[in-house]
C-alpha atoms as a PDB file:
ATOM      1  CA  UNK A   1     196.962 111.808  68.730  1.00  0.00           C
ATOM      2  CA  UNK A   2     200.161 113.149  67.183  1.00  0.00           C
ATOM      3  CA  UNK A   3     202.845 110.893  65.734  1.00  0.00           C
ATOM      4  CA  UNK A   4     205.181 111.941  68.541  1.00  0.00           C
ATOM      5  CA  UNK A   5     202.587 110.907  71.142  1.00  0.00           C
ATOM      6  CA  UNK A   6     202.127 107.536  69.422  1.00  0.00           C
ATOM      7  CA  UNK A   7     205.873 106.858  69.525  1.00  0.00           C
ATOM      8  CA  UNK A   8     206.104 107.875  73.196  1.00  0.00           C
ATOM      9  CA  UNK A   9     203.111 105.661  73.989  1.00  0.00           C
ATOM     10  CA  UNK A  10     204.869 102.670  72.446  1.00  0.00           C
ATOM     11  CA  UNK A  11     207.724 103.026  74.949  1.00  0.00           C
ATOM     12  CA  UNK A  12     205.997 104.380  78.049  1.00  0.00           C
ATOM     13  CA  UNK A  13     205.470 100.964  79.668  1.00  0.00           C
ATOM     14  CA  UNK A  14     209.100  99.865  79.271  1.00  0.00           C
ATOM     15  CA  UNK A  15     210.187 100.229  82.890  1.00  0.00           C
ATOM     16  CA  UNK A  16     211.851  96.913  83.765  1.00  0.00           C
ATOM     17  CA  UNK A  17     214.746  95.004  82.255  1.00  0.00           C
ATOM     18  CA  UNK A  18     212.407  92.153  81.346  1.00  0.00           C
ATOM     19  CA  UNK A  19     210.608  94.434  78.891  1.00  0.00           C
ATOM     20  CA  UNK A  20     213.857  95.187  77.114  1.00  0.00           C
ATOM     21  CA  UNK A  21     214.451  91.655  75.888  1.00  0.00           C
ATOM     22  CA  UNK A  22     215.331  91.430  72.210  1.00  0.00           C
ATOM     23  CA  UNK A  23     211.924  90.210  71.063  1.00  0.00           C
ATOM     24  CA  UNK A  24     210.002  92.966  72.838  1.00  0.00           C
ATOM     25  CA  UNK A  25     212.351  95.701  71.623  1.00  0.00           C
ATOM     26  CA  UNK A  26     212.109  94.335  68.106  1.00  0.00           C
ATOM     27  CA  UNK A  27     208.288  94.389  68.227  1.00  0.00           C
ATOM     28  CA  UNK A  28     208.312  97.955  69.548  1.00  0.00           C
ATOM     29  CA  UNK A  29     210.819  98.957  66.859  1.00  0.00           C
ATOM     30  CA  UNK A  30     208.589  97.461  64.141  1.00  0.00           C
ATOM     31  CA  UNK A  31     205.665  99.544  65.437  1.00  0.00           C
ATOM     32  CA  UNK A  32     207.824 102.684  65.475  1.00  0.00           C
ATOM     33  CA  UNK A  33     208.932 102.039  61.873  1.00  0.00           C
ATOM     34  CA  UNK A  34     205.295 101.500  60.839  1.00  0.00           C
ATOM     35  CA  UNK A  35     204.218 104.756  62.531  1.00  0.00           C
ATOM     36  CA  UNK A  36     207.107 106.605  60.888  1.00  0.00           C
ATOM     37  CA  UNK A  37     206.165 105.202  57.467  1.00  0.00           C
ATOM     38  CA  UNK A  38     202.570 106.355  57.970  1.00  0.00           C
ATOM     39  CA  UNK A  39     203.863 109.842  58.779  1.00  0.00           C
ATOM     40  CA  UNK A  40     206.101 109.930  55.690  1.00  0.00           C
ATOM     41  CA  UNK A  41     203.221 108.789  53.470  1.00  0.00           C
ATOM     42  CA  UNK A  42     200.954 111.497  54.903  1.00  0.00           C
ATOM     43  CA  UNK A  43     203.624 114.169  54.290  1.00  0.00           C
ATOM     44  CA  UNK A  44     204.125 112.856  50.760  1.00  0.00           C
ATOM     45  CA  UNK A  45     200.383 113.228  50.102  1.00  0.00           C
ATOM     46  CA  UNK A  46     200.465 116.788  51.451  1.00  0.00           C
ATOM     47  CA  UNK A  47     203.475 117.679  49.290  1.00  0.00           C
ATOM     48  CA  UNK A  48     201.773 116.227  46.203  1.00  0.00           C
ATOM     49  CA  UNK A  49     198.619 118.252  46.908  1.00  0.00           C
ATOM     50  CA  UNK A  50     200.672 121.408  47.445  1.00  0.00           C
ATOM     51  CA  UNK A  51     202.426 120.855  44.121  1.00  0.00           C
ATOM     52  CA  UNK A  52     199.044 120.320  42.417  1.00  0.00           C
ATOM     53  CA  UNK A  53     197.781 123.617  43.886  1.00  0.00           C
ATOM     54  CA  UNK A  54     200.890 125.482  42.712  1.00  0.00           C
ATOM     55  CA  UNK A  55     200.504 124.070  39.182  1.00  0.00           C
ATOM     56  CA  UNK A  56     196.777 124.935  39.208  1.00  0.00           C
ATOM     57  CA  UNK A  57     197.609 128.568  39.978  1.00  0.00           C
ATOM     58  CA  UNK A  58     200.962 129.159  38.263  1.00  0.00           C
ATOM     59  CA  UNK A  59     200.874 126.532  35.520  1.00  0.00           C
ATOM     60  CA  UNK A  60     203.831 124.520  34.222  1.00  0.00           C
ATOM     61  CA  UNK A  61     205.131 123.272  30.882  1.00  0.00           C
ATOM     62  CA  UNK A  62     201.924 121.252  30.314  1.00  0.00           C
ATOM     63  CA  UNK A  63     199.345 123.573  31.951  1.00  0.00           C
ATOM     64  CA  UNK A  64     198.536 127.250  31.509  1.00  0.00           C
ATOM     65  CA  UNK A  65     198.440 129.515  34.574  1.00  0.00           C
ATOM     66  CA  UNK A  66     195.025 130.158  36.085  1.00  0.00           C
ATOM     67  CA  UNK A  67     193.296 133.078  34.345  1.00  0.00           C
ATOM     68  CA  UNK A  68     192.155 134.425  37.729  1.00  0.00           C
ATOM     69  CA  UNK A  69     195.761 134.984  38.867  1.00  0.00           C
ATOM     70  CA  UNK A  70     196.962 138.576  38.742  1.00  0.00           C
ATOM     71  CA  UNK A  71     200.132 140.491  39.607  1.00  0.00           C
ATOM     72  CA  UNK A  72     200.311 143.696  41.608  1.00  0.00           C
ATOM     73  CA  UNK A  73     203.456 145.250  43.111  1.00  0.00           C
ATOM     74  CA  UNK A  74     205.480 142.089  42.422  1.00  0.00           C
ATOM     75  CA  UNK A  75     203.016 139.785  44.206  1.00  0.00           C
ATOM     76  CA  UNK A  76     200.670 137.124  42.835  1.00  0.00           C
ATOM     77  CA  UNK A  77     197.002 137.217  43.788  1.00  0.00           C
ATOM     78  CA  UNK A  78     193.993 135.022  43.163  1.00  0.00           C
ATOM     79  CA  UNK A  79     191.120 137.171  41.908  1.00  0.00           C
ATOM     80  CA  UNK A  80     188.608 134.334  41.451  1.00  0.00           C
ATOM     81  CA  UNK A  81     186.765 135.266  44.645  1.00  0.00           C
ATOM     82  CA  UNK A  82     186.522 138.937  43.708  1.00  0.00           C
ATOM     83  CA  UNK A  83     188.510 140.341  46.652  1.00  0.00           C
ATOM     84  CA  UNK A  84     191.286 141.522  44.282  1.00  0.00           C
ATOM     85  CA  UNK A  85     194.731 142.450  45.576  1.00  0.00           C
ATOM     86  CA  UNK A  86     194.083 141.963  49.294  1.00  0.00           C
ATOM     87  CA  UNK A  87     196.611 140.134  51.461  1.00  0.00           C
ATOM     88  CA  UNK A  88     194.137 137.280  51.985  1.00  0.00           C
ATOM     89  CA  UNK A  89     194.297 136.540  48.249  1.00  0.00           C
ATOM     90  CA  UNK A  90     198.131 136.607  48.139  1.00  0.00           C
ATOM     91  CA  UNK A  91     199.432 133.339  46.666  1.00  0.00           C
ATOM     92  CA  UNK A  92     203.145 134.179  46.424  1.00  0.00           C
ATOM     93  CA  UNK A  93     205.531 131.278  46.953  1.00  0.00           C
ATOM     94  CA  UNK A  94     208.405 132.553  49.100  1.00  0.00           C
ATOM     95  CA  UNK A  95     211.135 130.129  50.192  1.00  0.00           C
ATOM     96  CA  UNK A  96     208.870 127.248  49.175  1.00  0.00           C
ATOM     97  CA  UNK A  97     206.023 128.392  51.454  1.00  0.00           C
ATOM     98  CA  UNK A  98     202.733 129.984  50.562  1.00  0.00           C
ATOM     99  CA  UNK A  99     199.056 130.037  51.326  1.00  0.00           C
ATOM    100  CA  UNK A 100     198.993 127.134  48.850  1.00  0.00           C
ATOM    101  CA  UNK A 101     200.707 124.895  51.455  1.00  0.00           C
ATOM    102  CA  UNK A 102     197.486 124.650  53.512  1.00  0.00           C
ATOM    103  CA  UNK A 103     195.671 121.323  53.066  1.00  0.00           C
ATOM    104  CA  UNK A 104     192.166 122.674  53.596  1.00  0.00           C
ATOM    105  CA  UNK A 105     192.445 125.494  51.067  1.00  0.00           C
ATOM    106  CA  UNK A 106     189.464 125.827  48.706  1.00  0.00           C
ATOM    107  CA  UNK A 107     189.542 127.298  45.215  1.00  0.00           C
ATOM    108  CA  UNK A 108     186.573 129.330  43.889  1.00  0.00           C
ATOM    109  CA  UNK A 109     187.222 127.699  40.502  1.00  0.00           C
ATOM    110  CA  UNK A 110     187.527 124.198  42.049  1.00  0.00           C
ATOM    111  CA  UNK A 111     190.952 123.553  40.520  1.00  0.00           C
ATOM    112  CA  UNK A 112     193.002 120.370  41.021  1.00  0.00           C
ATOM    113  CA  UNK A 113     194.734 119.932  44.389  1.00  0.00           C
ATOM    114  CA  UNK A 114     192.311 122.049  46.399  1.00  0.00           C
ATOM    115  CA  UNK A 115     189.926 120.680  49.030  1.00  0.00           C
ATOM    116  CA  UNK A 116     186.871 121.373  46.874  1.00  0.00           C
ATOM    117  CA  UNK A 117     188.353 120.242  43.530  1.00  0.00           C
ATOM    118  CA  UNK A 118     186.246 118.247  41.097  1.00  0.00           C
END
């Protein structure tokens, strides 16, 4: 069930004025806030994992870039799987989006942030 569906479900039975009393609305609002917090925490986890994947591939001030990363025609590719400069191996980050944004992405070298990391 999506977060949107959960929020709608919380309010779907509110059809009479009796159900809108302050206590009931407050309880419903608390549930909505809890659901929203769960969603924010999930997105935070995803963003942290994405950042870990980007650092695993590109490196940062404390980590070297992955040795399997290569450049061809201004694009970054992961060559760890052996498919070389094919579009499937493209790991460019454009406008903050990339193949690295996908949660279920696996790394042949099992780097940090990927689904199969060790």
